[in-house]
């Protein structure tokens, strides 16, 4: 994914969950099946993007969002961060963050 692709995706009105991870990271690997399940559960309610912090083409994105720990999950709407949390967590925590944003979107 290019930097321009990333910024285009997060700029959309839809919710975009970004998973900042590293291939060497044990907690990131522990979150892999949770992210896979979440992807199936969300079924187009949110886009999920995975960003490997060690890839050269992702350095600008990692620096811009000050990613210093992995895994870090960032939820965007309209290009703005609406939720951010780092570490291993249950799927329910991420689902709840998405649900709160969906409710906020329908309140407009």
N, C-alpha and C. Protein backbone atom coordinates (compact mmCIF):
# COMPACT_ATOMS: atom_id res chain seq x y z
N UNK A 1 0.85 -1.18 0.00
CA UNK A 1 0.00 0.00 0.00
C UNK A 1 0.89 1.24 0.00
N UNK A 2 0.59 2.14 -0.90
CA UNK A 2 1.36 3.38 -0.96
C UNK A 2 0.85 4.36 0.08
N UNK A 3 1.64 5.35 0.36
CA UNK A 3 1.24 6.40 1.30
C UNK A 3 -0.01 7.11 0.80
N UNK A 4 -0.05 7.39 -0.50
CA UNK A 4 -1.23 8.06 -1.07
C UNK A 4 -2.48 7.20 -0.94
N UNK A 5 -2.35 5.89 -1.18
CA UNK A 5 -3.48 4.98 -1.01
C UNK A 5 -3.99 5.02 0.43
N UNK A 6 -3.06 5.01 1.37
CA UNK A 6 -3.42 5.03 2.79
C UNK A 6 -4.23 6.29 3.11
N UNK A 7 -3.71 7.44 2.72
CA UNK A 7 -4.40 8.70 3.03
C UNK A 7 -5.75 8.79 2.33
N UNK A 8 -5.86 8.24 1.13
CA UNK A 8 -7.15 8.23 0.43
C UNK A 8 -8.17 7.38 1.18
N UNK A 9 -7.74 6.21 1.65
CA UNK A 9 -8.66 5.33 2.38
C UNK A 9 -9.14 5.93 3.69
N UNK A 10 -8.22 6.49 4.46
CA UNK A 10 -8.65 7.02 5.77
C UNK A 10 -9.46 8.30 5.64
N UNK A 11 -9.36 8.97 4.49
CA UNK A 11 -10.10 10.22 4.30
C UNK A 11 -11.58 9.99 4.03
N UNK A 12 -11.96 8.77 3.74
CA UNK A 12 -13.35 8.47 3.44
C UNK A 12 -14.21 8.62 4.70
N UNK A 13 -15.49 8.84 4.48
CA UNK A 13 -16.44 8.96 5.58
C UNK A 13 -16.59 7.65 6.33
N UNK A 14 -16.33 6.53 5.65
CA UNK A 14 -16.44 5.22 6.28
C UNK A 14 -15.37 5.08 7.36
N UNK A 15 -15.61 4.14 8.25
CA UNK A 15 -14.64 3.84 9.30
C UNK A 15 -13.52 2.99 8.74
N UNK A 16 -12.30 3.32 9.12
CA UNK A 16 -11.13 2.56 8.71
C UNK A 16 -10.31 2.23 9.96
N UNK A 17 -10.12 0.95 10.20
CA UNK A 17 -9.30 0.49 11.32
C UNK A 17 -7.92 0.14 10.78
N UNK A 18 -6.90 0.78 11.35
CA UNK A 18 -5.53 0.51 10.93
C UNK A 18 -4.83 -0.27 12.04
N UNK A 19 -4.27 -1.40 11.65
CA UNK A 19 -3.51 -2.26 12.54
C UNK A 19 -2.04 -2.03 12.23
N UNK A 20 -1.34 -1.30 13.10
CA UNK A 20 0.10 -1.10 12.97
C UNK A 20 0.77 -2.27 13.68
N UNK A 21 1.59 -3.02 12.95
CA UNK A 21 2.18 -4.24 13.49
C UNK A 21 3.61 -4.40 12.99
N UNK A 22 4.29 -5.42 13.51
CA UNK A 22 5.60 -5.82 13.02
C UNK A 22 5.63 -7.34 12.94
N UNK A 23 6.32 -7.87 11.95
CA UNK A 23 6.34 -9.32 11.76
C UNK A 23 7.06 -10.04 12.90
N UNK A 24 7.96 -9.38 13.59
CA UNK A 24 8.73 -9.98 14.68
C UNK A 24 8.01 -9.88 16.03
N UNK A 25 6.89 -9.23 16.07
CA UNK A 25 6.19 -8.89 17.32
C UNK A 25 5.25 -10.02 17.76
N UNK A 26 5.54 -10.62 18.91
CA UNK A 26 4.71 -11.68 19.45
C UNK A 26 3.28 -11.25 19.73
N UNK A 27 3.07 -10.10 20.41
CA UNK A 27 1.69 -9.64 20.64
C UNK A 27 0.94 -9.37 19.33
N UNK A 28 1.65 -8.91 18.30
CA UNK A 28 1.01 -8.68 17.00
C UNK A 28 0.51 -10.00 16.43
N UNK A 29 1.35 -11.03 16.53
CA UNK A 29 0.96 -12.35 16.03
C UNK A 29 -0.23 -12.89 16.81
N UNK A 30 -0.28 -12.58 18.11
CA UNK A 30 -1.42 -13.01 18.93
C UNK A 30 -2.71 -12.33 18.47
N UNK A 31 -2.60 -11.13 17.93
CA UNK A 31 -3.78 -10.39 17.47
C UNK A 31 -4.23 -10.81 16.07
N UNK A 32 -3.38 -11.49 15.31
CA UNK A 32 -3.74 -11.89 13.93
C UNK A 32 -5.09 -12.60 13.83
N UNK A 33 -5.34 -13.65 14.63
CA UNK A 33 -6.64 -14.32 14.49
C UNK A 33 -7.81 -13.42 14.92
N UNK A 34 -7.56 -12.52 15.84
CA UNK A 34 -8.61 -11.59 16.27
C UNK A 34 -8.95 -10.62 15.14
N UNK A 35 -7.92 -10.12 14.46
CA UNK A 35 -8.16 -9.21 13.33
C UNK A 35 -8.86 -9.96 12.20
N UNK A 36 -8.48 -11.20 11.96
CA UNK A 36 -9.16 -12.00 10.94
C UNK A 36 -10.63 -12.19 11.28
N UNK A 37 -10.92 -12.51 12.54
CA UNK A 37 -12.32 -12.68 12.96
C UNK A 37 -13.08 -11.37 12.85
N UNK A 38 -12.44 -10.30 13.26
CA UNK A 38 -13.06 -8.98 13.20
C UNK A 38 -13.41 -8.62 11.76
N UNK A 39 -12.52 -8.93 10.85
CA UNK A 39 -12.76 -8.66 9.43
C UNK A 39 -14.02 -9.37 8.95
N UNK A 40 -14.19 -10.62 9.36
CA UNK A 40 -15.37 -11.39 8.98
C UNK A 40 -16.63 -10.83 9.64
N UNK A 41 -16.53 -10.43 10.89
CA UNK A 41 -17.68 -9.92 11.63
C UNK A 41 -18.14 -8.57 11.08
N UNK A 42 -17.19 -7.70 10.78
CA UNK A 42 -17.54 -6.34 10.34
C UNK A 42 -18.22 -6.33 8.99
N UNK A 43 -17.82 -7.24 8.10
CA UNK A 43 -18.47 -7.38 6.81
C UNK A 43 -18.82 -6.04 6.18
N UNK A 44 -17.81 -5.26 5.89
CA UNK A 44 -17.94 -3.97 5.20
C UNK A 44 -18.40 -2.81 6.08
N UNK A 45 -18.59 -3.04 7.35
CA UNK A 45 -18.93 -1.91 8.24
C UNK A 45 -17.73 -1.02 8.46
N UNK A 46 -16.54 -1.57 8.32
CA UNK A 46 -15.29 -0.81 8.44
C UNK A 46 -14.25 -1.49 7.58
N UNK A 47 -13.36 -0.70 7.05
CA UNK A 47 -12.24 -1.22 6.28
C UNK A 47 -11.10 -1.47 7.26
N UNK A 48 -10.39 -2.57 7.08
CA UNK A 48 -9.23 -2.86 7.92
C UNK A 48 -7.99 -2.81 7.06
N UNK A 49 -7.02 -2.04 7.52
CA UNK A 49 -5.73 -1.92 6.83
C UNK A 49 -4.65 -2.36 7.80
N UNK A 50 -3.70 -3.14 7.30
CA UNK A 50 -2.57 -3.56 8.13
C UNK A 50 -1.32 -2.85 7.62
N UNK A 51 -0.60 -2.19 8.53
CA UNK A 51 0.61 -1.45 8.18
C UNK A 51 1.79 -2.04 8.95
N UNK A 52 2.73 -2.61 8.22
CA UNK A 52 3.96 -3.16 8.81
C UNK A 52 4.90 -1.98 9.07
N UNK A 53 5.17 -1.71 10.33
CA UNK A 53 5.95 -0.53 10.69
C UNK A 53 7.40 -0.59 10.20
N UNK A 54 7.88 -1.76 9.84
CA UNK A 54 9.27 -1.90 9.41
C UNK A 54 9.47 -1.74 7.90
N UNK A 55 8.40 -1.63 7.17
CA UNK A 55 8.52 -1.48 5.71
C UNK A 55 8.87 -0.03 5.37
N UNK A 56 9.83 0.10 4.50
CA UNK A 56 10.33 1.42 4.10
C UNK A 56 9.21 2.35 3.62
N UNK A 57 8.30 1.80 2.83
CA UNK A 57 7.23 2.64 2.27
C UNK A 57 6.21 3.10 3.31
N UNK A 58 6.28 2.56 4.52
CA UNK A 58 5.34 2.95 5.58
C UNK A 58 5.96 3.91 6.60
N UNK A 59 7.22 4.24 6.45
CA UNK A 59 7.90 5.07 7.45
C UNK A 59 7.22 6.40 7.69
N UNK A 60 6.79 7.05 6.63
CA UNK A 60 6.13 8.37 6.79
C UNK A 60 4.85 8.24 7.61
N UNK A 61 4.06 7.22 7.32
CA UNK A 61 2.80 7.00 8.04
C UNK A 61 3.08 6.71 9.51
N UNK A 62 4.04 5.84 9.77
CA UNK A 62 4.40 5.46 11.14
C UNK A 62 4.86 6.70 11.91
N UNK A 63 5.67 7.52 11.28
CA UNK A 63 6.17 8.73 11.95
C UNK A 63 5.04 9.73 12.18
N UNK A 64 4.19 9.92 11.19
CA UNK A 64 3.11 10.91 11.31
C UNK A 64 2.18 10.59 12.48
N UNK A 65 1.91 9.31 12.70
CA UNK A 65 0.98 8.93 13.77
C UNK A 65 1.71 8.47 15.03
N UNK A 66 3.01 8.73 15.07
CA UNK A 66 3.82 8.49 16.26
C UNK A 66 3.60 7.08 16.82
N UNK A 67 3.77 6.10 15.96
CA UNK A 67 3.61 4.71 16.37
C UNK A 67 4.91 4.26 17.02
N UNK A 68 4.89 4.07 18.33
CA UNK A 68 6.09 3.68 19.07
C UNK A 68 5.94 2.31 19.72
N UNK A 69 4.74 1.76 19.70
CA UNK A 69 4.48 0.43 20.26
C UNK A 69 3.60 -0.33 19.29
N UNK A 70 3.82 -1.64 19.23
CA UNK A 70 2.98 -2.48 18.39
C UNK A 70 2.48 -3.66 19.21
N UNK A 71 1.29 -4.13 18.94
CA UNK A 71 0.37 -3.58 17.95
C UNK A 71 -0.30 -2.30 18.45
N UNK A 72 -0.56 -1.41 17.53
CA UNK A 72 -1.35 -0.22 17.80
C UNK A 72 -2.49 -0.20 16.80
N UNK A 73 -3.68 0.03 17.30
CA UNK A 73 -4.88 0.08 16.47
C UNK A 73 -5.41 1.51 16.47
N UNK A 74 -5.66 2.03 15.28
CA UNK A 74 -6.16 3.39 15.13
C UNK A 74 -7.40 3.34 14.25
N UNK A 75 -8.47 3.92 14.74
CA UNK A 75 -9.73 3.98 14.00
C UNK A 75 -9.89 5.39 13.45
N UNK A 76 -10.07 5.49 12.14
CA UNK A 76 -10.22 6.77 11.47
C UNK A 76 -11.63 6.92 10.92
N UNK A 77 -12.09 8.16 10.89
CA UNK A 77 -13.30 8.54 10.16
C UNK A 77 -13.05 9.93 9.59
N UNK A 78 -13.27 10.10 8.32
CA UNK A 78 -13.02 11.38 7.64
C UNK A 78 -11.58 11.85 7.82
N UNK A 79 -10.64 10.92 7.89
CA UNK A 79 -9.24 11.28 8.02
C UNK A 79 -8.80 11.63 9.42
N UNK A 80 -9.74 11.61 10.36
CA UNK A 80 -9.43 11.97 11.75
C UNK A 80 -9.40 10.73 12.63
N UNK A 81 -8.52 10.74 13.61
CA UNK A 81 -8.46 9.64 14.57
C UNK A 81 -9.64 9.77 15.52
N UNK A 82 -10.42 8.71 15.64
CA UNK A 82 -11.56 8.72 16.56
C UNK A 82 -11.36 7.74 17.71
N UNK A 83 -10.35 6.89 17.60
CA UNK A 83 -10.02 5.93 18.67
C UNK A 83 -8.64 5.39 18.40
N UNK A 84 -7.89 5.17 19.48
CA UNK A 84 -6.53 4.62 19.35
C UNK A 84 -6.20 3.86 20.62
N UNK A 85 -5.61 2.67 20.44
CA UNK A 85 -5.20 1.87 21.59
C UNK A 85 -4.09 0.91 21.16
N UNK A 86 -3.19 0.63 22.09
CA UNK A 86 -2.08 -0.28 21.80
C UNK A 86 -2.15 -1.50 22.69
N UNK A 87 -1.57 -2.59 22.18
CA UNK A 87 -1.45 -3.81 22.96
C UNK A 87 -2.44 -4.88 22.54
N UNK A 88 -2.28 -6.03 23.18
CA UNK A 88 -3.19 -7.15 22.95
C UNK A 88 -4.50 -6.83 23.66
N UNK A 89 -5.60 -7.08 22.98
CA UNK A 89 -6.91 -6.78 23.57
C UNK A 89 -7.95 -7.75 23.02
N UNK A 90 -9.04 -7.89 23.75
CA UNK A 90 -10.11 -8.76 23.25
C UNK A 90 -10.82 -8.11 22.07
N UNK A 91 -11.38 -8.95 21.24
CA UNK A 91 -12.09 -8.47 20.06
C UNK A 91 -13.22 -7.51 20.44
N UNK A 92 -13.83 -7.74 21.59
CA UNK A 92 -14.95 -6.90 22.03
C UNK A 92 -14.55 -5.45 22.20
N UNK A 93 -13.33 -5.19 22.62
CA UNK A 93 -12.89 -3.81 22.82
C UNK A 93 -12.85 -3.06 21.49
N UNK A 94 -12.36 -3.72 20.47
CA UNK A 94 -12.31 -3.08 19.15
C UNK A 94 -13.72 -2.94 18.58
N UNK A 95 -14.53 -3.99 18.73
CA UNK A 95 -15.92 -3.93 18.25
C UNK A 95 -16.67 -2.80 18.91
N UNK A 96 -16.48 -2.61 20.21
CA UNK A 96 -17.17 -1.54 20.94
C UNK A 96 -16.75 -0.17 20.43
N UNK A 97 -15.47 0.01 20.13
CA UNK A 97 -15.00 1.29 19.60
C UNK A 97 -15.66 1.57 18.25
N UNK A 98 -15.76 0.55 17.42
CA UNK A 98 -16.40 0.71 16.11
C UNK A 98 -17.88 0.99 16.27
N UNK A 99 -18.53 0.25 17.15
CA UNK A 99 -19.96 0.44 17.39
C UNK A 99 -20.26 1.87 17.87
N UNK A 100 -19.43 2.39 18.78
CA UNK A 100 -19.64 3.77 19.27
C UNK A 100 -19.54 4.77 18.13
N UNK A 101 -18.61 4.55 17.22
CA UNK A 101 -18.47 5.47 16.09
C UNK A 101 -19.63 5.33 15.11
N UNK A 102 -20.12 4.13 14.92
CA UNK A 102 -21.30 3.94 14.06
C UNK A 102 -22.50 4.66 14.64
N UNK A 103 -22.66 4.56 15.95
CA UNK A 103 -23.77 5.26 16.60
C UNK A 103 -23.63 6.77 16.48
N UNK A 104 -22.40 7.26 16.60
CA UNK A 104 -22.16 8.70 16.45
C UNK A 104 -22.45 9.15 15.03
N UNK A 105 -22.14 8.30 14.05
CA UNK A 105 -22.37 8.64 12.65
C UNK A 105 -23.87 8.72 12.35
N UNK A 106 -24.66 7.84 12.97
CA UNK A 106 -26.10 7.85 12.70
C UNK A 106 -26.81 8.95 13.48
N UNK A 107 -26.13 9.52 14.47
CA UNK A 107 -26.73 10.59 15.27
C UNK A 107 -26.74 11.93 14.52
N UNK A 108 -25.93 12.03 13.44
CA UNK A 108 -25.88 13.28 12.68
C UNK A 108 -27.13 13.51 11.89
